[in-house]
N, C-alpha and C. Protein backbone atom coordinates (compact mmCIF):
# COMPACT_ATOMS: atom_id res chain seq x y z
N MET A 1 13.96 -39.46 -44.92
CA MET A 1 14.75 -38.29 -45.24
C MET A 1 16.19 -38.73 -45.50
N PRO A 2 16.83 -38.13 -46.48
CA PRO A 2 18.21 -38.52 -46.74
C PRO A 2 19.14 -38.00 -45.65
N ALA A 3 20.23 -38.72 -45.46
CA ALA A 3 21.21 -38.33 -44.46
C ALA A 3 21.93 -37.07 -44.90
N ILE A 4 22.49 -36.35 -43.96
CA ILE A 4 23.25 -35.14 -44.25
C ILE A 4 24.56 -35.54 -44.91
N GLU A 5 24.93 -34.83 -45.96
CA GLU A 5 26.19 -35.10 -46.65
C GLU A 5 27.28 -34.23 -46.03
N LEU A 6 28.43 -34.85 -45.77
CA LEU A 6 29.57 -34.14 -45.19
C LEU A 6 30.73 -34.12 -46.17
N THR A 7 31.48 -33.03 -46.15
CA THR A 7 32.71 -32.98 -46.95
C THR A 7 33.77 -33.81 -46.24
N PRO A 8 34.76 -34.29 -46.97
CA PRO A 8 35.81 -35.08 -46.32
C PRO A 8 36.54 -34.31 -45.21
N ALA A 9 36.74 -33.02 -45.39
CA ALA A 9 37.41 -32.23 -44.36
C ALA A 9 36.57 -32.14 -43.10
N ARG A 10 35.25 -31.93 -43.26
CA ARG A 10 34.35 -31.83 -42.10
C ARG A 10 34.25 -33.19 -41.39
N ARG A 11 34.21 -34.28 -42.19
CA ARG A 11 34.15 -35.62 -41.62
C ARG A 11 35.40 -35.91 -40.79
N LYS A 12 36.56 -35.49 -41.29
CA LYS A 12 37.81 -35.69 -40.57
C LYS A 12 37.81 -34.91 -39.25
N GLU A 13 37.29 -33.69 -39.30
CA GLU A 13 37.20 -32.85 -38.10
C GLU A 13 36.28 -33.49 -37.05
N LEU A 14 35.15 -34.02 -37.49
CA LEU A 14 34.20 -34.65 -36.57
C LEU A 14 34.76 -35.95 -36.00
N ARG A 15 35.51 -36.70 -36.80
CA ARG A 15 36.14 -37.92 -36.29
C ARG A 15 37.12 -37.58 -35.17
N GLY A 16 37.85 -36.48 -35.33
CA GLY A 16 38.78 -36.05 -34.28
C GLY A 16 38.06 -35.65 -33.02
N GLU A 17 36.93 -34.96 -33.15
CA GLU A 17 36.15 -34.56 -31.98
C GLU A 17 35.54 -35.78 -31.28
N ALA A 18 35.16 -36.80 -32.05
CA ALA A 18 34.50 -37.97 -31.49
C ALA A 18 35.48 -38.95 -30.85
N HIS A 19 36.76 -38.77 -31.09
CA HIS A 19 37.75 -39.73 -30.59
C HIS A 19 37.67 -39.92 -29.09
N HIS A 20 37.48 -38.86 -28.33
CA HIS A 20 37.49 -38.94 -26.87
C HIS A 20 36.11 -39.22 -26.27
N LEU A 21 35.09 -39.35 -27.10
CA LEU A 21 33.74 -39.58 -26.59
C LEU A 21 33.54 -41.04 -26.21
N ASP A 22 32.65 -41.28 -25.26
CA ASP A 22 32.23 -42.62 -24.89
C ASP A 22 30.89 -42.90 -25.57
N PRO A 23 30.59 -44.17 -25.87
CA PRO A 23 29.30 -44.48 -26.48
C PRO A 23 28.14 -44.13 -25.53
N VAL A 24 27.13 -43.48 -26.07
CA VAL A 24 25.97 -43.09 -25.25
C VAL A 24 24.77 -43.99 -25.51
N VAL A 25 24.78 -44.72 -26.63
CA VAL A 25 23.68 -45.62 -26.96
C VAL A 25 24.29 -46.99 -27.26
N MET A 26 23.69 -48.02 -26.70
CA MET A 26 24.15 -49.40 -26.93
C MET A 26 23.03 -50.17 -27.63
N ILE A 27 23.37 -50.84 -28.72
CA ILE A 27 22.38 -51.63 -29.45
C ILE A 27 22.72 -53.10 -29.23
N GLY A 28 21.78 -53.82 -28.65
CA GLY A 28 22.00 -55.22 -28.29
C GLY A 28 21.47 -56.19 -29.32
N ALA A 29 21.06 -57.36 -28.84
CA ALA A 29 20.62 -58.45 -29.71
C ALA A 29 19.29 -58.14 -30.39
N ASP A 30 18.47 -57.29 -29.79
CA ASP A 30 17.17 -56.97 -30.39
C ASP A 30 17.31 -56.10 -31.62
N GLY A 31 18.45 -55.49 -31.82
CA GLY A 31 18.67 -54.67 -33.00
C GLY A 31 18.10 -53.27 -32.83
N LEU A 32 17.70 -52.72 -33.94
CA LEU A 32 17.21 -51.34 -33.96
C LEU A 32 15.72 -51.31 -33.62
N THR A 33 15.40 -50.99 -32.38
CA THR A 33 14.01 -50.92 -31.93
C THR A 33 13.58 -49.46 -31.86
N PRO A 34 12.27 -49.19 -31.75
CA PRO A 34 11.81 -47.80 -31.61
C PRO A 34 12.41 -47.10 -30.39
N ALA A 35 12.64 -47.84 -29.31
CA ALA A 35 13.24 -47.25 -28.12
C ALA A 35 14.68 -46.80 -28.40
N ILE A 36 15.42 -47.60 -29.16
CA ILE A 36 16.80 -47.24 -29.52
C ILE A 36 16.80 -45.98 -30.38
N ILE A 37 15.89 -45.92 -31.32
CA ILE A 37 15.81 -44.74 -32.19
C ILE A 37 15.47 -43.50 -31.38
N LYS A 38 14.54 -43.64 -30.44
CA LYS A 38 14.14 -42.51 -29.59
C LYS A 38 15.32 -42.03 -28.74
N GLU A 39 16.06 -42.96 -28.13
CA GLU A 39 17.21 -42.58 -27.30
C GLU A 39 18.32 -41.95 -28.14
N THR A 40 18.53 -42.47 -29.33
CA THR A 40 19.56 -41.91 -30.21
C THR A 40 19.17 -40.49 -30.62
N ASP A 41 17.89 -40.28 -30.90
CA ASP A 41 17.41 -38.94 -31.26
C ASP A 41 17.60 -37.96 -30.10
N ALA A 42 17.28 -38.42 -28.88
CA ALA A 42 17.46 -37.56 -27.70
C ALA A 42 18.94 -37.24 -27.49
N ALA A 43 19.82 -38.21 -27.69
CA ALA A 43 21.25 -37.98 -27.53
C ALA A 43 21.78 -37.02 -28.58
N LEU A 44 21.29 -37.13 -29.81
CA LEU A 44 21.71 -36.20 -30.86
C LEU A 44 21.24 -34.78 -30.56
N LYS A 45 20.03 -34.65 -30.01
CA LYS A 45 19.54 -33.32 -29.65
C LYS A 45 20.39 -32.70 -28.54
N ALA A 46 20.82 -33.53 -27.60
CA ALA A 46 21.57 -33.04 -26.45
C ALA A 46 23.03 -32.79 -26.77
N HIS A 47 23.65 -33.64 -27.59
CA HIS A 47 25.09 -33.57 -27.79
C HIS A 47 25.51 -33.21 -29.21
N GLY A 48 24.72 -33.56 -30.21
CA GLY A 48 25.09 -33.26 -31.59
C GLY A 48 25.97 -34.33 -32.21
N LEU A 49 27.01 -34.74 -31.52
CA LEU A 49 27.95 -35.75 -32.01
C LEU A 49 27.98 -36.88 -30.99
N ILE A 50 27.62 -38.10 -31.43
CA ILE A 50 27.55 -39.22 -30.48
C ILE A 50 28.20 -40.47 -31.06
N LYS A 51 28.56 -41.37 -30.14
CA LYS A 51 29.02 -42.70 -30.51
C LYS A 51 27.95 -43.70 -30.11
N VAL A 52 27.77 -44.71 -30.96
CA VAL A 52 26.81 -45.78 -30.71
C VAL A 52 27.58 -47.09 -30.77
N ARG A 53 27.41 -47.95 -29.77
CA ARG A 53 28.06 -49.27 -29.78
C ARG A 53 27.03 -50.31 -30.18
N VAL A 54 27.41 -51.16 -31.16
CA VAL A 54 26.54 -52.23 -31.63
C VAL A 54 27.17 -53.56 -31.23
N PHE A 55 26.45 -54.35 -30.43
CA PHE A 55 26.95 -55.65 -29.98
C PHE A 55 26.56 -56.73 -30.99
N SER A 56 27.12 -56.64 -32.16
CA SER A 56 26.85 -57.62 -33.20
C SER A 56 28.15 -57.90 -33.94
N ASP A 57 28.32 -59.16 -34.38
CA ASP A 57 29.54 -59.51 -35.10
C ASP A 57 29.38 -59.35 -36.60
N ASP A 58 28.18 -59.04 -37.06
CA ASP A 58 27.89 -58.93 -38.49
C ASP A 58 28.21 -57.51 -38.98
N ARG A 59 29.27 -57.38 -39.75
CA ARG A 59 29.69 -56.06 -40.24
C ARG A 59 28.63 -55.45 -41.17
N ALA A 60 28.05 -56.24 -42.03
CA ALA A 60 27.02 -55.73 -42.95
C ALA A 60 25.80 -55.26 -42.16
N GLY A 61 25.47 -55.97 -41.08
CA GLY A 61 24.35 -55.56 -40.23
C GLY A 61 24.63 -54.22 -39.54
N ARG A 62 25.87 -54.03 -39.11
CA ARG A 62 26.23 -52.74 -38.49
C ARG A 62 26.17 -51.61 -39.51
N GLU A 63 26.59 -51.87 -40.73
CA GLU A 63 26.49 -50.86 -41.79
C GLU A 63 25.03 -50.49 -42.05
N ALA A 64 24.16 -51.52 -42.04
CA ALA A 64 22.73 -51.28 -42.26
C ALA A 64 22.15 -50.45 -41.11
N VAL A 65 22.57 -50.74 -39.87
CA VAL A 65 22.08 -49.99 -38.71
C VAL A 65 22.52 -48.53 -38.81
N LEU A 66 23.78 -48.31 -39.23
CA LEU A 66 24.28 -46.94 -39.38
C LEU A 66 23.47 -46.19 -40.43
N GLY A 67 23.19 -46.83 -41.55
CA GLY A 67 22.40 -46.19 -42.61
C GLY A 67 20.98 -45.89 -42.16
N GLN A 68 20.37 -46.85 -41.46
CA GLN A 68 18.99 -46.63 -40.99
C GLN A 68 18.92 -45.49 -39.98
N LEU A 69 19.85 -45.48 -39.04
CA LEU A 69 19.85 -44.40 -38.05
C LEU A 69 20.04 -43.04 -38.71
N ALA A 70 20.97 -42.98 -39.66
CA ALA A 70 21.24 -41.71 -40.34
C ALA A 70 20.01 -41.25 -41.12
N ASP A 71 19.33 -42.18 -41.81
CA ASP A 71 18.16 -41.80 -42.60
C ASP A 71 16.98 -41.41 -41.72
N GLN A 72 16.70 -42.20 -40.68
CA GLN A 72 15.52 -41.94 -39.86
C GLN A 72 15.67 -40.70 -38.99
N LEU A 73 16.89 -40.39 -38.56
CA LEU A 73 17.10 -39.27 -37.64
C LEU A 73 17.66 -38.03 -38.34
N ASP A 74 17.76 -38.08 -39.66
CA ASP A 74 18.30 -36.96 -40.44
C ASP A 74 19.67 -36.54 -39.90
N ALA A 75 20.54 -37.53 -39.76
CA ALA A 75 21.88 -37.31 -39.24
C ALA A 75 22.91 -37.72 -40.28
N ALA A 76 24.15 -37.36 -40.03
CA ALA A 76 25.23 -37.71 -40.95
C ALA A 76 26.05 -38.84 -40.35
N PRO A 77 26.25 -39.94 -41.11
CA PRO A 77 27.14 -40.98 -40.63
C PRO A 77 28.59 -40.50 -40.76
N VAL A 78 29.29 -40.43 -39.66
CA VAL A 78 30.65 -39.91 -39.66
C VAL A 78 31.66 -41.03 -39.81
N GLN A 79 31.49 -42.10 -39.01
CA GLN A 79 32.50 -43.15 -39.00
C GLN A 79 31.90 -44.47 -38.53
N HIS A 80 32.41 -45.56 -39.08
CA HIS A 80 32.08 -46.91 -38.61
C HIS A 80 33.40 -47.63 -38.45
N ILE A 81 33.81 -47.80 -37.22
CA ILE A 81 35.07 -48.47 -36.95
C ILE A 81 34.83 -49.55 -35.90
N GLY A 82 35.02 -50.79 -36.30
CA GLY A 82 34.74 -51.90 -35.40
C GLY A 82 33.26 -51.95 -35.06
N LYS A 83 32.96 -51.99 -33.77
CA LYS A 83 31.57 -52.04 -33.33
C LYS A 83 31.04 -50.67 -32.92
N LEU A 84 31.81 -49.62 -33.24
CA LEU A 84 31.39 -48.26 -32.89
C LEU A 84 30.93 -47.51 -34.14
N LEU A 85 29.82 -46.82 -33.98
CA LEU A 85 29.28 -45.96 -35.03
C LEU A 85 29.30 -44.53 -34.51
N VAL A 86 29.65 -43.59 -35.36
CA VAL A 86 29.65 -42.18 -34.97
C VAL A 86 28.63 -41.45 -35.85
N LEU A 87 27.71 -40.74 -35.20
CA LEU A 87 26.68 -39.96 -35.89
C LEU A 87 26.77 -38.50 -35.49
N TRP A 88 26.42 -37.62 -36.43
CA TRP A 88 26.42 -36.19 -36.15
C TRP A 88 25.18 -35.56 -36.75
N ARG A 89 24.62 -34.63 -36.00
CA ARG A 89 23.50 -33.82 -36.49
C ARG A 89 23.65 -32.44 -35.87
N PRO A 90 23.44 -31.37 -36.64
CA PRO A 90 23.55 -30.04 -36.04
C PRO A 90 22.57 -29.88 -34.90
N MET A 91 23.03 -29.27 -33.82
CA MET A 91 22.16 -29.08 -32.65
C MET A 91 21.16 -27.96 -32.93
N PRO A 92 19.89 -28.14 -32.49
CA PRO A 92 18.90 -27.08 -32.71
C PRO A 92 19.21 -25.86 -31.84
N GLU A 93 18.79 -24.71 -32.32
CA GLU A 93 18.96 -23.47 -31.56
C GLU A 93 18.11 -23.53 -30.30
N LYS A 94 18.67 -23.12 -29.19
CA LYS A 94 17.92 -23.10 -27.95
C LYS A 94 17.19 -21.77 -27.83
N ALA A 95 15.96 -21.83 -27.36
CA ALA A 95 15.17 -20.62 -27.18
C ALA A 95 15.76 -19.80 -26.03
N LYS A 96 15.81 -18.50 -26.24
CA LYS A 96 16.33 -17.63 -25.19
C LYS A 96 15.30 -17.49 -24.08
N ALA A 97 15.78 -17.48 -22.88
CA ALA A 97 14.89 -17.36 -21.72
C ALA A 97 14.36 -15.92 -21.64
N VAL A 98 13.08 -15.81 -21.34
CA VAL A 98 12.46 -14.51 -21.18
C VAL A 98 12.79 -14.01 -19.77
N PRO A 99 13.34 -12.82 -19.65
CA PRO A 99 13.68 -12.34 -18.31
C PRO A 99 12.43 -12.11 -17.48
N GLU A 100 12.49 -12.53 -16.24
CA GLU A 100 11.36 -12.37 -15.34
C GLU A 100 11.35 -10.96 -14.77
N GLU A 101 10.19 -10.58 -14.26
CA GLU A 101 10.11 -9.28 -13.60
C GLU A 101 10.96 -9.32 -12.34
N PRO A 102 11.60 -8.22 -12.02
CA PRO A 102 12.41 -8.24 -10.81
C PRO A 102 11.53 -8.47 -9.59
N LYS A 103 12.02 -9.27 -8.68
CA LYS A 103 11.25 -9.59 -7.49
C LYS A 103 11.38 -8.44 -6.49
N ARG A 104 10.33 -8.28 -5.74
CA ARG A 104 10.33 -7.23 -4.74
C ARG A 104 11.21 -7.65 -3.59
N GLY A 105 11.91 -6.72 -3.05
CA GLY A 105 12.82 -6.99 -1.96
C GLY A 105 13.91 -5.93 -1.96
N SER A 106 14.89 -6.12 -1.19
CA SER A 106 15.98 -5.14 -1.11
C SER A 106 16.87 -5.27 -2.34
N ARG A 107 17.34 -4.15 -2.82
CA ARG A 107 18.29 -4.15 -3.91
C ARG A 107 19.27 -3.01 -3.69
N THR A 108 20.45 -3.18 -4.19
CA THR A 108 21.50 -2.19 -4.01
C THR A 108 21.59 -1.34 -5.28
N VAL A 109 21.59 -0.01 -5.10
CA VAL A 109 21.63 0.91 -6.21
C VAL A 109 22.80 1.87 -6.01
N LYS A 110 23.49 2.20 -7.10
CA LYS A 110 24.57 3.18 -7.02
C LYS A 110 24.03 4.54 -7.44
N LEU A 111 24.27 5.54 -6.62
CA LEU A 111 23.89 6.91 -6.94
C LEU A 111 25.15 7.66 -7.39
N VAL A 112 25.08 8.29 -8.53
CA VAL A 112 26.21 9.05 -9.05
C VAL A 112 25.79 10.50 -9.11
N THR A 113 26.46 11.35 -8.37
CA THR A 113 26.19 12.80 -8.40
C THR A 113 27.50 13.51 -8.75
N PHE A 114 27.38 14.57 -9.49
CA PHE A 114 28.57 15.32 -9.89
C PHE A 114 28.89 16.37 -8.83
N ALA A 115 30.16 16.58 -8.62
CA ALA A 115 30.61 17.53 -7.60
C ALA A 115 30.23 18.94 -8.01
N ARG A 116 29.89 19.79 -7.01
CA ARG A 116 29.44 21.15 -7.30
C ARG A 116 30.59 22.13 -7.49
N LYS A 117 31.73 21.85 -6.91
CA LYS A 117 32.83 22.80 -6.94
C LYS A 117 33.70 22.68 -8.17
N GLY A 118 33.26 21.96 -9.17
CA GLY A 118 34.03 21.87 -10.41
C GLY A 118 35.00 20.72 -10.45
N SER A 119 34.98 19.85 -9.47
CA SER A 119 35.86 18.68 -9.48
C SER A 119 35.37 17.72 -10.55
N PRO A 120 36.25 17.15 -11.34
CA PRO A 120 35.80 16.28 -12.43
C PRO A 120 35.32 14.91 -11.95
N ARG A 121 35.65 14.56 -10.71
CA ARG A 121 35.27 13.23 -10.23
C ARG A 121 33.86 13.24 -9.66
N PRO A 122 33.01 12.32 -10.12
CA PRO A 122 31.66 12.23 -9.54
C PRO A 122 31.71 11.54 -8.19
N ILE A 123 30.68 11.78 -7.40
CA ILE A 123 30.56 11.14 -6.08
C ILE A 123 29.63 9.94 -6.25
N VAL A 124 30.12 8.76 -5.86
CA VAL A 124 29.35 7.53 -6.00
C VAL A 124 28.96 7.05 -4.61
N GLN A 125 27.65 6.84 -4.42
CA GLN A 125 27.13 6.32 -3.16
C GLN A 125 26.38 5.03 -3.45
N THR A 126 26.53 4.05 -2.58
CA THR A 126 25.78 2.80 -2.70
C THR A 126 24.67 2.84 -1.66
N VAL A 127 23.42 2.68 -2.15
CA VAL A 127 22.25 2.81 -1.30
C VAL A 127 21.41 1.53 -1.43
N THR A 128 20.82 1.08 -0.34
CA THR A 128 19.92 -0.07 -0.36
C THR A 128 18.48 0.44 -0.42
N VAL A 129 17.75 -0.02 -1.44
CA VAL A 129 16.36 0.37 -1.63
C VAL A 129 15.52 -0.86 -1.34
N HIS A 130 14.55 -0.73 -0.44
CA HIS A 130 13.71 -1.84 -0.05
C HIS A 130 12.49 -1.94 -0.95
N GLY A 131 11.70 -2.98 -0.76
CA GLY A 131 10.59 -3.29 -1.65
C GLY A 131 9.57 -2.20 -1.84
N ASN A 132 9.23 -1.45 -0.79
CA ASN A 132 8.18 -0.43 -0.89
C ASN A 132 8.78 0.95 -1.09
N GLU A 133 9.98 1.04 -1.59
CA GLU A 133 10.63 2.32 -1.78
C GLU A 133 11.01 2.49 -3.24
N ARG A 134 11.18 3.76 -3.60
CA ARG A 134 11.61 4.08 -4.96
C ARG A 134 12.67 5.16 -4.89
N LEU A 135 13.40 5.31 -5.95
CA LEU A 135 14.46 6.30 -6.03
C LEU A 135 13.98 7.43 -6.93
N THR A 136 14.00 8.65 -6.44
CA THR A 136 13.57 9.79 -7.24
C THR A 136 14.69 10.24 -8.15
N ALA A 137 14.38 11.14 -9.07
CA ALA A 137 15.37 11.66 -10.00
C ALA A 137 16.46 12.43 -9.27
N GLY A 138 16.14 13.02 -8.14
CA GLY A 138 17.12 13.78 -7.37
C GLY A 138 17.98 12.92 -6.46
N GLY A 139 17.75 11.61 -6.44
CA GLY A 139 18.54 10.72 -5.61
C GLY A 139 17.96 10.50 -4.24
N GLN A 140 16.73 10.92 -4.00
CA GLN A 140 16.06 10.72 -2.72
C GLN A 140 15.37 9.36 -2.72
N ILE A 141 15.28 8.74 -1.55
CA ILE A 141 14.55 7.49 -1.41
C ILE A 141 13.21 7.81 -0.78
N LYS A 142 12.12 7.44 -1.47
CA LYS A 142 10.78 7.70 -0.98
C LYS A 142 9.97 6.43 -1.05
N ARG A 143 8.95 6.37 -0.21
CA ARG A 143 8.05 5.24 -0.26
C ARG A 143 7.21 5.32 -1.53
N ALA A 144 7.02 4.20 -2.16
CA ALA A 144 6.22 4.17 -3.38
C ALA A 144 4.75 4.40 -3.04
N LYS A 145 4.28 3.82 -1.95
CA LYS A 145 2.90 4.00 -1.51
C LYS A 145 2.93 4.38 -0.05
N LYS A 146 1.95 5.14 0.35
CA LYS A 146 1.87 5.50 1.74
C LYS A 146 1.57 4.25 2.55
N ARG A 147 2.27 4.11 3.65
CA ARG A 147 2.11 2.92 4.48
C ARG A 147 0.70 2.88 5.06
N ALA A 148 0.05 1.75 4.93
CA ALA A 148 -1.31 1.59 5.42
C ALA A 148 -1.28 1.40 6.93
N THR A 149 -2.15 2.14 7.63
CA THR A 149 -2.28 1.97 9.08
C THR A 149 -3.66 1.40 9.36
N SER A 150 -3.75 0.62 10.38
CA SER A 150 -5.01 -0.03 10.70
C SER A 150 -6.00 0.98 11.31
N VAL A 151 -7.24 0.62 11.31
CA VAL A 151 -8.30 1.46 11.85
C VAL A 151 -8.10 1.65 13.35
N LYS A 152 -7.66 0.61 14.04
CA LYS A 152 -7.43 0.69 15.49
C LYS A 152 -6.35 1.71 15.81
N LYS A 153 -5.24 1.69 15.07
CA LYS A 153 -4.15 2.61 15.32
C LYS A 153 -4.58 4.06 15.02
N LYS A 154 -5.39 4.23 14.00
CA LYS A 154 -5.87 5.59 13.70
C LYS A 154 -6.74 6.09 14.85
N ALA A 155 -7.58 5.23 15.39
CA ALA A 155 -8.46 5.60 16.49
C ALA A 155 -7.67 5.89 17.77
N GLN A 156 -6.58 5.15 18.01
CA GLN A 156 -5.76 5.35 19.20
C GLN A 156 -4.98 6.67 19.13
N SER A 157 -4.52 7.03 17.96
CA SER A 157 -3.72 8.24 17.84
C SER A 157 -4.58 9.51 17.92
N GLN A 158 -5.87 9.40 17.76
CA GLN A 158 -6.71 10.60 17.80
C GLN A 158 -7.17 10.94 19.16
């Protein structure tokens, strides 16, 4: 896949953002291995803009590494200065978390009732509702289900 093309203004902006970054991927004597490509891809997914340090004295070799990384990872080569390479790729959209069902337990609810005597201020009460309780439309707290009693207790009460 061809590398992403950047405008000179965008490239300048990315170089400024990358100035304070530390290299996250180091390429040693083995060169560009599948493990290096995998780590670079993971870093681009996590950060979007990364620096890569190449421990090689061959400038043409570093240029080739920058081109290969950009082509294989569908990234844009931003800068090659010394032994540092800067790559950028737009970060993928993160999936929104699905809200879980509320857990049973105590929760605090505010009850708002309007004053009867014509006062414009409503009356606000904070009430704790427990797991087996519900709030009615009139603001009453009632049990959602009738509490189960054991057979022994029923026999004792009779």
